[in-house]
Structures are given as structure tokens and as C-alpha cells.
Amino acid sequence: MTPHRLNPEEVFEDRYTDAFVRRFHGRGVRVNYKRDRAALDVGFHLTAPGSLELSNVRVWFQLKGIHRETLDAERLGTMTTVALSLDVDDIKKWYAAPEAVYVVIYLEALDEFIGDDIRDLVDESFADHQGTFTSKMDGLGKTFSLKVNKSAIIDETRIEGMLRHKSMRVDGPSWRGIPLGHRFDPLRSELQVLDPPLFVDLVEALLTAHGYRIRQYLEASSLLKGVEDGTDEAYLSLGTMYSRYEWPFSLSVEFGVSPDSDYRDEGQMMSVQGSTALFVHSHLGGHAQPATKAPAILQTIRDAGVGKVLAIGNASESLLMASYRGLFDDLYELPLGGGALAYSILTAPRVFAAFEDRLVWRFVNYLWDDPDRLGVQLAPPDEK
């Protein structure tokens, strides 16, 4: 019987794979395919920060090893990136995967792993604005070389950062063609009054998602008497809204349909972009009353070139409308309350995912797909 000889490449691969897996000890549960048909070496279902409980994040890795004889430490010292030739079909699969896929290189000369998200690597390679990876695939041939930054070491900090990856189901009802990852109707749901700290966290997340940047903090106590008296909590600022912030006048949205139509009016929409005055009212102690210095602070807002105040309150729209008309004078705009704020969060899937388990709803309605509804066909049926 001929003795089985060890394959040096298999030994090398097993050694660096085991070393890579050890880096995730206590940080995730290993998952892998029984048969290697996905061109992925290993995956991990990551644990929540500081816990052994599993998060909702799974990350996959394709490992490649480079011998020290191929790339020694001296040569690596002169390099900022390490190139790796990969099969184009594999790159396509990894790029389109619903969960994060990392390409990782083991550098034997340094005894270190470097790697990055396949989407970051691909997008960086095709950042010439003349087309995407998908549009250029036909001209790539069978393989393509991606460059991994030598400083992109897979260490504790990088592993913890992988918890930012989010995946969501896109097979449910969509909103105007946009997958939301939930079934709530953004226009016909309303938040309950929230605890003020949670309300502030939620509004901050939404403003961050819209690129709001504060350039001047103003004293809310100079505008609202309740803040001055200590019965209310509020924040006032001037800044720039870099992405358009849209919200509905929720009281104008139709919930039902008429007997002869299934059409429902979606109501009036407001928006703000650019120079913005922001008033966030996290706790309402009663009907809003202007403070003594309110005229002066409103003039400061006018002098900043702002025509309306974006007001977000922790109450229903009907209550806020009654309170704010006299507060903002000519700077009054329809405010965001529980209904409009519900629209904001339900159309921002990443924000919704971060707050989903902490939100309290006054009521919800649901989106439903109509499986019998035909798609749009621009040509009359008899012309096809």
C-alpha cells in the first residue's frame, strides 16, 4: 500500500485557516458549507458586543495565502497594497451576496491577515466614474486583480467593526419599489409618545442619515417658556440639511377608499434642504408658550436666511400644530409628530433596524403586495 503523502499546499492552507479561525474565538460561531460550491472558505455568525449572544450579523471570508518565498518581508516593506488575482465569476457572486464577503490574504512573511469587504475592493477598483464593475465585466476576461491595503489587518478592532454589516429581507412588500425590510405602511402608522432620551436618539439618527450639520446652537429656553421654567425639554439649532428631508402632513393622508375606487390620496408632503432652523421638542410639559426672548431668537433665525422652522415634537401632529402656530409666528411650518416621524423612520431601513425593538406604536397599518396585479405594459395588449 502506497503511503499517503502530505500536500504542502494543503498543510499551509490548513495552518493559516486554523489561525484565522482562532482570531474569532469568543467573537462568533463558525459556519461553513458542507461542500465548497460557493467559493467561500469560512463564515462567522458574530456575537453581540461584550456578549456570547448571537447578533443578526453573519460575515463570510475567502482566504488566500502567500508564502514568504513568494513575497518576503523586505519586499512587503516597500508595498502599500497586495494584489490578488481572483476568478471574475467568483467576484460577481461575492459582490452580489446578501451578506458581507471579505477577501483575506495571509502573508506568511509577516504572519498576518489583511483583508477587506469585496464591495469596497471592487468599487475602489472601478471608481473612475466611467462605468461599474457590472458594466465592465465582459471585458475583464476570466480573472481580475484586486488590491488589498497592507494596513487592513484583521484584528480585534476590525472584527468588532464587522457588526456594522446589516442584511435585510427584500422579498416582502416594497415602498415605491424600495425594499424596506418590514411590512409597516410608512404613511399610515404612528408612533406613541416616546421616552425623551429615546426620542432624542431617534431624531439624531434620522438627522445624521439626512446629513444635517449644526453650525450654531441656539438657546431653546430663549424661544420656549417651558424650557425656561423646566417643564419642557427642547433643542434649537441652525445648520445645513445636506440631503432633502421629506415628511407628510399625516392628517391629510387617506386611510380608506371610496366605494368606486381603490385609490388613496397620500396627502401633502413637505421638505427642507439647505439652510435649516431645527427645533426638537423631546418632552412637552403643556401648551407651548413663547419665552420673553422669543421675538429676538426668531429674528436671529430670519437673519440667517431661514424661512421656516423644522419642528419635530414628541407628540401627535394635532397637538403640535395647536402649540406651535403661536410659537413660531411667520416661521411656522407643519411639524413632525408621531405620524410624520413614523414615516421618517419607516423609510430609513438602517435607522429602523437600529431602533426596531425599542419603538412603541400608537397604531400600525401594513403594506401588502397584490399577486394578481399585472405589471405596467406601455404598448396595448393587441400590439404585442
Protein backbone atom coordinates (compact mmCIF):
# COMPACT_ATOMS: atom_id res chain seq x y z
CA MET A 1 0.00 0.00 0.00
CA THR A 2 1.47 3.32 -1.05
CA PRO A 3 1.67 5.70 1.93
CA HIS A 4 -0.33 8.91 1.61
CA ARG A 5 1.92 11.91 1.18
CA LEU A 6 1.02 15.26 2.64
CA ASN A 7 0.33 18.02 0.18
CA PRO A 8 2.43 21.02 1.29
CA GLU A 9 -0.18 23.47 -0.03
CA GLU A 10 -2.94 21.76 1.91
CA VAL A 11 -0.82 21.85 5.07
CA PHE A 12 -0.14 25.57 4.50
CA GLU A 13 -3.82 26.29 3.90
CA ASP A 14 -4.95 24.32 6.95
CA ARG A 15 -2.43 26.15 9.12
CA TYR A 16 -3.47 29.67 8.19
CA THR A 17 -7.17 28.76 8.17
CA ASP A 18 -6.92 27.46 11.74
CA ALA A 19 -5.01 30.59 12.76
CA PHE A 20 -7.70 32.80 11.20
CA VAL A 21 -10.50 30.91 12.96
CA ARG A 22 -8.74 31.41 16.31
CA ARG A 23 -8.96 35.17 15.82
CA PHE A 24 -12.74 34.86 16.10
CA HIS A 25 -12.69 32.85 19.32
CA GLY A 26 -15.45 34.26 21.53
CA ARG A 27 -16.45 36.68 18.76
CA GLY A 28 -18.65 34.37 16.71
CA VAL A 29 -19.82 30.88 15.85
CA ARG A 30 -18.21 29.31 12.81
CA VAL A 31 -20.46 28.45 9.88
CA ASN A 32 -19.40 26.85 6.65
CA TYR A 33 -20.70 24.96 3.65
CA LYS A 34 -20.52 21.18 3.72
CA ARG A 35 -19.40 21.28 0.10
CA ASP A 36 -17.26 24.08 -1.30
CA ARG A 37 -19.56 25.23 -4.08
CA ALA A 38 -19.85 28.85 -3.01
CA ALA A 39 -16.09 29.58 -3.22
CA LEU A 40 -16.14 30.68 0.42
CA ASP A 41 -13.78 29.19 2.98
CA VAL A 42 -15.39 30.12 6.26
CA GLY A 43 -18.10 32.27 7.80
CA PHE A 44 -18.92 33.52 11.29
CA HIS A 45 -22.21 34.34 12.96
CA LEU A 46 -20.93 37.21 15.11
CA THR A 47 -21.77 37.68 18.76
CA ALA A 48 -23.16 40.92 20.15
CA PRO A 49 -20.61 43.33 21.71
CA GLY A 50 -19.41 42.11 25.09
CA SER A 51 -21.70 39.09 24.99
CA LEU A 52 -21.87 35.48 23.86
CA GLU A 53 -25.36 36.07 22.47
CA LEU A 54 -25.50 35.95 18.71
CA SER A 55 -26.16 39.12 16.77
CA ASN A 56 -28.03 39.25 13.45
CA VAL A 57 -24.75 39.60 11.53
CA ARG A 58 -23.04 36.88 9.53
CA VAL A 59 -19.82 37.54 7.64
CA TRP A 60 -18.10 35.30 5.08
CA PHE A 61 -14.43 35.02 4.16
CA GLN A 62 -12.43 33.79 1.21
CA LEU A 63 -8.87 33.13 2.36
CA LYS A 64 -5.74 33.16 0.22
CA GLY A 65 -2.23 32.52 1.49
CA ILE A 66 1.04 33.90 0.11
CA HIS A 67 4.28 32.10 1.01
CA ARG A 68 7.25 34.06 2.34
CA GLU A 69 9.25 32.73 -0.60
CA THR A 70 6.80 34.45 -2.96
CA LEU A 71 6.59 37.71 -1.01
CA ASP A 72 9.21 38.27 1.68
CA ALA A 73 9.18 40.84 4.49
CA GLU A 74 11.72 43.10 2.77
CA ARG A 75 9.63 43.41 -0.35
CA LEU A 76 6.44 43.85 1.66
CA GLY A 77 8.10 46.77 3.42
CA THR A 78 8.11 48.68 0.14
CA MET A 79 4.47 47.96 -0.68
CA THR A 80 1.25 49.69 0.39
CA THR A 81 -1.11 47.18 -1.25
CA VAL A 82 -1.02 43.50 -2.07
CA ALA A 83 -2.62 42.37 -5.34
CA LEU A 84 -4.58 39.16 -5.61
CA SER A 85 -5.85 37.61 -8.84
CA LEU A 86 -9.37 36.20 -8.48
CA ASP A 87 -11.87 34.47 -10.71
CA VAL A 88 -14.30 37.04 -12.16
CA ASP A 89 -17.27 34.71 -11.73
CA ASP A 90 -16.42 34.37 -8.02
CA ILE A 91 -16.10 38.14 -7.65
CA LYS A 92 -19.54 38.54 -9.22
CA LYS A 93 -21.08 36.07 -6.77
CA TRP A 94 -19.44 37.62 -3.72
CA TYR A 95 -20.32 41.16 -4.78
CA ALA A 96 -24.00 40.22 -5.21
CA ALA A 97 -24.17 38.20 -1.97
CA PRO A 98 -26.82 39.37 0.54
CA GLU A 99 -24.27 39.13 3.38
CA ALA A 100 -20.81 40.67 3.65
CA VAL A 101 -17.96 38.78 2.00
CA TYR A 102 -14.33 39.59 2.78
CA VAL A 103 -11.31 38.67 0.69
CA VAL A 104 -8.48 37.93 3.14
CA ILE A 105 -4.79 37.38 2.37
CA TYR A 106 -2.46 35.58 4.76
CA LEU A 107 1.07 36.98 4.50
CA GLU A 108 3.35 34.27 5.82
CA ALA A 109 6.36 36.61 5.91
CA LEU A 110 4.55 38.83 8.42
CA ASP A 111 2.36 36.11 9.95
CA GLU A 112 -0.58 38.46 9.46
CA PHE A 113 -4.00 38.58 7.81
CA ILE A 114 -5.11 41.55 5.72
CA GLY A 115 -8.47 41.86 4.02
CA ASP A 116 -11.46 43.95 3.10
CA ASP A 117 -15.10 43.82 2.08
CA ILE A 118 -15.37 42.65 -1.53
CA ARG A 119 -17.69 45.55 -2.36
CA ASP A 120 -15.18 48.10 -1.09
CA LEU A 121 -12.38 46.44 -3.05
CA VAL A 122 -14.38 46.27 -6.27
CA ASP A 123 -15.85 49.78 -6.01
CA GLU A 124 -12.40 51.23 -5.37
CA SER A 125 -11.07 49.46 -8.46
CA PHE A 126 -13.85 50.94 -10.61
CA ALA A 127 -14.00 54.45 -9.19
CA ASP A 128 -13.25 56.19 -12.50
CA HIS A 129 -16.95 57.13 -12.98
CA GLN A 130 -16.88 55.59 -16.46
CA GLY A 131 -18.95 52.58 -15.53
CA THR A 132 -19.39 50.00 -12.82
CA PHE A 133 -17.89 46.58 -12.27
CA THR A 134 -21.09 45.06 -13.65
CA SER A 135 -20.98 47.14 -16.82
CA LYS A 136 -17.32 46.28 -17.43
CA MET A 137 -17.39 42.55 -16.69
CA ASP A 138 -17.49 41.43 -20.27
CA GLY A 139 -14.09 42.94 -20.95
CA LEU A 140 -12.35 41.61 -17.85
CA GLY A 141 -11.52 38.10 -19.01
CA LYS A 142 -11.60 35.17 -16.60
CA THR A 143 -9.58 36.73 -13.77
CA PHE A 144 -9.18 40.16 -12.25
CA SER A 145 -6.65 41.51 -9.76
CA LEU A 146 -7.91 43.30 -6.65
CA LYS A 147 -5.60 45.29 -4.38
CA VAL A 148 -5.83 44.91 -0.61
CA ASN A 149 -4.32 47.65 1.55
CA LYS A 150 -1.46 46.27 3.65
CA SER A 151 -2.72 48.22 6.66
CA ALA A 152 -6.14 46.49 6.53
CA ILE A 153 -5.20 43.98 9.24
CA ILE A 154 -7.95 41.70 10.52
CA ASP A 155 -7.56 42.42 14.22
CA GLU A 156 -9.90 42.89 17.19
CA THR A 157 -10.93 46.37 16.08
CA ARG A 158 -11.76 45.22 12.54
CA ILE A 159 -13.73 42.22 13.83
CA GLU A 160 -15.77 44.43 16.15
CA GLY A 161 -16.37 46.81 13.26
CA MET A 162 -17.89 43.99 11.22
CA LEU A 163 -21.00 44.24 13.39
CA ARG A 164 -21.94 47.29 11.29
CA HIS A 165 -22.84 44.97 8.42
CA LYS A 166 -26.59 44.64 8.07
CA SER A 167 -28.69 42.36 5.92
CA MET A 168 -32.42 42.58 5.44
CA ARG A 169 -35.06 40.63 3.60
CA VAL A 170 -36.13 42.23 0.36
CA ASP A 171 -38.79 39.70 -0.61
CA GLY A 172 -41.65 41.43 1.20
CA PRO A 173 -43.79 44.37 0.08
CA SER A 174 -41.78 47.30 -1.22
CA TRP A 175 -42.38 51.03 -0.90
CA ARG A 176 -42.43 52.62 -4.36
CA GLY A 177 -40.06 49.90 -5.47
CA ILE A 178 -37.75 50.37 -2.46
CA PRO A 179 -37.34 47.36 -0.12
CA LEU A 180 -37.86 48.44 3.48
CA GLY A 181 -37.23 45.19 5.35
CA HIS A 182 -40.60 45.40 7.12
CA ARG A 183 -44.33 45.48 6.32
CA PHE A 184 -45.38 48.70 8.07
CA ASP A 185 -47.12 51.31 5.92
CA PRO A 186 -44.96 54.45 6.32
CA LEU A 187 -47.86 56.81 5.66
CA ARG A 188 -50.46 55.09 7.83
CA SER A 189 -48.64 54.25 11.05
CA GLU A 190 -47.97 56.43 14.08
CA LEU A 191 -45.51 56.35 16.96
CA GLN A 192 -46.63 56.63 20.56
CA VAL A 193 -45.04 59.30 22.75
CA LEU A 194 -41.53 58.01 23.49
CA ASP A 195 -39.25 58.41 26.49
CA PRO A 196 -37.37 61.67 25.89
CA PRO A 197 -33.86 60.12 25.76
CA LEU A 198 -35.04 57.56 23.18
CA PHE A 199 -36.79 60.29 21.22
CA VAL A 200 -33.58 62.33 21.09
CA ASP A 201 -31.53 59.30 20.00
CA LEU A 202 -34.03 58.54 17.24
CA VAL A 203 -34.15 62.10 15.92
CA GLU A 204 -30.35 62.35 16.00
CA ALA A 205 -30.09 59.15 13.95
CA LEU A 206 -32.57 60.46 11.37
CA LEU A 207 -30.80 63.81 11.12
CA THR A 208 -27.46 62.04 10.72
CA ALA A 209 -28.95 59.93 7.92
CA HIS A 210 -30.00 63.15 6.16
CA GLY A 211 -26.62 64.80 6.60
CA TYR A 212 -27.71 67.58 8.96
CA ARG A 213 -24.73 69.59 10.20
CA ILE A 214 -25.13 72.10 13.02
CA ARG A 215 -23.29 75.38 12.59
CA GLN A 216 -24.81 77.26 15.54
CA TYR A 217 -26.50 76.16 18.76
CA LEU A 218 -29.29 78.44 19.97
CA GLU A 219 -30.86 78.58 23.43
CA ALA A 220 -34.20 76.75 23.32
CA SER A 221 -35.05 78.47 26.62
CA SER A 222 -34.97 81.79 24.76
CA LEU A 223 -37.75 80.51 22.50
CA LEU A 224 -39.93 78.25 24.67
CA LYS A 225 -41.11 79.32 28.11
CA GLY A 226 -41.48 75.69 29.22
CA VAL A 227 -37.74 75.08 28.77
CA GLU A 228 -37.04 78.24 30.75
CA ASP A 229 -39.37 77.01 33.53
CA GLY A 230 -38.02 73.45 33.48
CA THR A 231 -41.28 71.77 32.40
CA ASP A 232 -40.17 71.09 28.82
CA GLU A 233 -37.07 69.69 27.10
CA ALA A 234 -36.09 71.06 23.69
CA TYR A 235 -33.14 71.78 21.41
CA LEU A 236 -32.69 74.59 18.89
CA SER A 237 -30.03 74.99 16.23
CA LEU A 238 -29.13 76.44 12.86
CA GLY A 239 -27.45 74.23 10.31
CA THR A 240 -27.44 72.73 6.85
CA MET A 241 -29.53 69.75 5.70
CA TYR A 242 -27.39 68.16 3.01
CA SER A 243 -29.98 65.58 1.89
CA ARG A 244 -33.61 66.53 1.40
CA TYR A 245 -35.70 65.76 4.48
CA GLU A 246 -39.27 64.94 3.46
CA TRP A 247 -42.26 64.36 5.69
CA PRO A 248 -46.03 64.05 5.20
CA PHE A 249 -48.82 66.03 6.73
CA SER A 250 -50.17 62.84 8.22
CA LEU A 251 -53.64 64.26 8.88
CA SER A 252 -54.09 64.67 5.10
CA VAL A 253 -53.36 61.02 4.27
CA GLU A 254 -56.31 58.86 3.25
CA PHE A 255 -56.69 55.56 5.10
CA GLY A 256 -59.83 54.22 3.41
CA VAL A 257 -61.12 54.10 -0.16
CA SER A 258 -64.32 55.20 -1.79
CA PRO A 259 -66.85 52.57 -2.96
CA ASP A 260 -65.94 53.02 -6.62
CA SER A 261 -62.14 53.29 -6.35
CA ASP A 262 -59.16 51.66 -4.63
CA TYR A 263 -57.08 54.85 -4.92
CA ARG A 264 -55.96 56.52 -1.68
CA ASP A 265 -54.53 60.03 -1.64
CA GLU A 266 -51.12 60.13 0.02
CA GLY A 267 -51.62 63.66 1.27
CA GLN A 268 -49.45 66.74 1.40
CA MET A 269 -45.67 66.42 1.55
CA MET A 270 -43.24 68.97 2.97
CA SER A 271 -39.49 69.07 2.62
CA VAL A 272 -36.41 71.01 3.66
CA GLN A 273 -32.89 71.10 2.28
CA GLY A 274 -30.00 73.51 2.70
CA SER A 275 -30.06 76.18 5.39
CA THR A 276 -32.26 74.91 8.22
CA ALA A 277 -33.55 76.01 11.61
CA LEU A 278 -34.22 72.91 13.71
CA PHE A 279 -36.40 72.72 16.82
CA VAL A 280 -36.58 69.32 18.57
CA HIS A 281 -39.12 69.10 21.38
CA SER A 282 -38.38 65.90 23.29
CA HIS A 283 -40.72 66.50 26.24
CA LEU A 284 -43.88 68.60 26.15
CA GLY A 285 -44.96 69.93 29.52
CA GLY A 286 -48.05 71.63 28.17
CA HIS A 287 -49.23 74.06 25.52
CA ALA A 288 -46.21 75.83 24.01
CA GLN A 289 -45.82 79.44 25.18
CA PRO A 290 -43.20 81.84 23.78
CA ALA A 291 -40.44 82.90 26.14
CA THR A 292 -39.72 86.57 26.76
CA LYS A 293 -36.79 86.48 24.32
CA ALA A 294 -38.71 84.60 21.62
CA PRO A 295 -39.03 87.59 19.23
CA ALA A 296 -35.25 88.09 19.31
CA ILE A 297 -34.43 84.41 18.69
CA LEU A 298 -36.93 84.25 15.82
CA GLN A 299 -35.27 87.31 14.30
CA THR A 300 -31.91 85.55 14.57
CA ILE A 301 -33.38 82.71 12.54
CA ARG A 302 -34.75 85.11 9.92
CA ASP A 303 -31.39 86.89 9.71
CA ALA A 304 -29.79 83.51 8.95
CA GLY A 305 -31.88 83.35 5.77
CA VAL A 306 -34.21 80.62 7.01
CA GLY A 307 -37.89 80.95 6.06
CA LYS A 308 -39.42 78.16 8.15
CA VAL A 309 -38.55 76.16 11.27
CA LEU A 310 -38.31 72.38 11.01
CA ALA A 311 -40.07 71.38 14.23
CA ILE A 312 -40.02 67.77 15.48
CA GLY A 313 -42.08 67.06 18.57
CA ASN A 314 -42.69 64.07 20.80
CA ALA A 315 -46.49 64.19 20.43
CA SER A 316 -49.23 63.88 17.84
CA GLU A 317 -49.35 66.32 14.93
CA SER A 318 -52.71 67.75 16.02
CA LEU A 319 -51.30 68.72 19.42
CA LEU A 320 -48.11 70.17 17.92
CA MET A 321 -49.99 72.22 15.34
CA ALA A 322 -52.10 73.84 18.04
CA SER A 323 -48.98 74.56 20.13
CA TYR A 324 -46.56 75.79 17.50
CA ARG A 325 -48.60 78.24 15.44
CA GLY A 326 -48.25 80.94 18.07
CA LEU A 327 -44.70 79.93 18.95
CA PHE A 328 -43.04 80.31 15.54
CA ASP A 329 -45.18 83.14 14.11
CA ASP A 330 -44.39 83.58 10.39
CA LEU A 331 -41.68 80.86 10.59
CA TYR A 332 -44.31 78.20 11.31
CA GLU A 333 -44.30 75.07 9.14
CA LEU A 334 -46.39 71.91 9.57
CA PRO A 335 -44.45 69.98 12.26
CA LEU A 336 -43.37 66.36 12.54
CA GLY A 337 -45.19 64.45 15.24
CA GLY A 338 -45.84 60.75 15.77
CA GLY A 339 -47.24 60.18 12.27
CA ALA A 340 -44.65 62.11 10.26
CA LEU A 341 -41.83 60.76 12.40
CA ALA A 342 -43.10 57.23 11.73
CA TYR A 343 -42.79 57.97 8.01
CA SER A 344 -39.21 59.18 8.53
CA ILE A 345 -38.07 56.07 10.35
CA LEU A 346 -40.03 53.53 8.32
CA THR A 347 -38.50 54.81 5.07
CA ALA A 348 -34.96 54.70 6.55
CA PRO A 349 -34.31 50.94 6.89
CA ARG A 350 -30.95 51.21 8.66
CA VAL A 351 -32.36 53.60 11.27
CA PHE A 352 -35.44 51.41 11.70
CA ALA A 353 -33.26 48.32 12.22
CA ALA A 354 -31.30 50.11 14.94
CA PHE A 355 -34.43 51.16 16.88
CA GLU A 356 -36.98 48.48 15.95
CA ASP A 357 -37.06 46.72 19.32
CA ARG A 358 -37.42 49.99 21.28
CA LEU A 359 -40.20 51.73 19.40
CA VAL A 360 -43.73 51.96 20.79
CA TRP A 361 -46.54 52.35 18.28
CA ARG A 362 -49.85 54.11 18.71
CA PHE A 363 -51.09 52.14 15.70
CA VAL A 364 -49.69 50.45 12.61
CA ASN A 365 -51.06 49.53 9.20
CA TYR A 366 -49.43 47.15 6.77
CA LEU A 367 -48.25 47.05 3.18
CA TRP A 368 -49.45 44.14 1.07
CA ASP A 369 -48.40 43.00 -2.38
CA ASP A 370 -51.17 42.18 -4.85
CA PRO A 371 -50.01 38.98 -6.60
CA ASP A 372 -52.75 39.32 -9.23
CA ARG A 373 -51.83 42.85 -10.27
CA LEU A 374 -50.20 42.97 -13.68
CA GLY A 375 -47.09 45.00 -14.30
CA VAL A 376 -47.15 48.09 -16.50
CA GLN A 377 -47.11 47.39 -20.24
CA LEU A 378 -46.66 50.54 -22.29
CA ALA A 379 -47.86 49.00 -25.55
CA PRO A 380 -51.53 47.99 -25.87
CA PRO A 381 -52.01 44.22 -25.49
CA ASP A 382 -53.17 43.83 -29.09
CA GLU A 383 -49.88 45.25 -30.37
CA LYS A 384 -47.76 42.53 -28.74
